[in-house]
Amino acid sequence: MSTIQTIGIDLAKNVFSIHGVDEYGKCVLRKTVKRNKLLGIFANLLHCSVNTKPPANQKCHVLQVMV
């Protein structure tokens, strides 16, 4: 499996869509996960860039992921 360089995440109330690409822009990860599983997904990934546009009520959750 290629190393994920960038992850895009679509934040919603209970379900998140995650899309990861490698250094060539090829999709290597595409998942839909529930809120309670999101941190576990990021815990198992190597360091990568996370791109998102969170709704106002999601900012704390995103900061927790990025730390």
Protein backbone atom coordinates (compact mmCIF):
# COMPACT_ATOMS: atom_id res chain seq x y z
CA MET A 1 0.00 0.00 0.00
CA SER A 2 1.28 3.49 -0.86
CA THR A 3 1.98 5.98 1.89
CA ILE A 4 -0.81 8.47 2.42
CA GLN A 5 0.44 12.04 1.98
CA THR A 6 -2.82 13.99 2.25
CA ILE A 7 -6.24 13.24 3.72
CA GLY A 8 -9.40 15.14 2.91
CA ILE A 9 -12.20 14.81 5.40
CA ASP A 10 -15.83 15.79 5.00
CA LEU A 11 -17.20 16.51 8.45
CA ALA A 12 -20.80 15.88 9.31
CA LYS A 13 -22.75 15.40 12.51
CA ASN A 14 -22.30 11.64 12.95
CA VAL A 15 -20.57 10.23 9.85
CA PHE A 16 -17.31 11.37 8.23
CA SER A 17 -16.04 10.67 4.71
CA ILE A 18 -12.27 10.24 4.47
CA HIS A 19 -10.28 10.33 1.23
CA GLY A 20 -6.52 9.75 1.28
CA VAL A 21 -4.09 10.20 -1.61
CA ASP A 22 -0.43 9.27 -2.09
CA GLU A 23 2.40 11.44 -3.42
CA TYR A 24 1.16 10.87 -7.00
CA GLY A 25 -2.43 11.91 -6.26
CA LYS A 26 -3.72 8.34 -6.48
CA CYS A 27 -6.55 7.45 -4.10
CA VAL A 28 -5.29 4.94 -1.54
CA LEU A 29 -7.94 5.39 1.17
CA ARG A 30 -11.66 5.98 0.90
CA LYS A 31 -13.80 5.33 3.97
CA THR A 32 -16.94 6.46 5.68
CA VAL A 33 -16.66 6.22 9.46
CA LYS A 34 -18.82 7.05 12.44
CA ARG A 35 -17.78 9.71 14.92
CA ASN A 36 -16.67 7.23 17.59
CA LYS A 37 -14.26 5.50 15.16
CA LEU A 38 -12.64 8.60 13.63
CA LEU A 39 -9.76 9.05 16.09
CA GLY A 40 -8.92 5.35 15.78
CA ILE A 41 -8.50 5.72 12.02
CA PHE A 42 -6.08 8.62 12.45
CA ALA A 43 -4.19 6.86 15.24
CA ASN A 44 -3.22 4.09 12.79
CA LEU A 45 -1.93 6.43 10.06
CA LEU A 46 1.57 7.81 9.62
CA HIS A 47 2.03 11.59 9.67
CA CYS A 48 0.18 13.27 6.83
CA SER A 49 -1.57 16.52 5.97
CA VAL A 50 -5.27 16.74 6.86
CA ASN A 51 -7.47 19.12 4.87
CA THR A 52 -10.96 20.02 5.99
CA LYS A 53 -13.48 22.79 6.27
CA PRO A 54 -15.25 22.11 9.56
CA PRO A 55 -18.65 23.46 10.49
CA ALA A 56 -18.54 25.89 13.43
CA ASN A 57 -19.51 23.24 15.98
CA GLN A 58 -16.76 20.79 14.87
CA LYS A 59 -13.63 22.88 15.50
CA CYS A 60 -12.69 21.23 18.82
CA HIS A 61 -12.97 17.75 17.33
CA VAL A 62 -10.69 18.66 14.41
CA LEU A 63 -8.08 20.17 16.72
CA GLN A 64 -8.11 16.99 18.79
CA VAL A 65 -7.34 14.94 15.66
CA MET A 66 -4.50 17.21 14.56
CA VAL A 67 -2.66 17.24 17.89
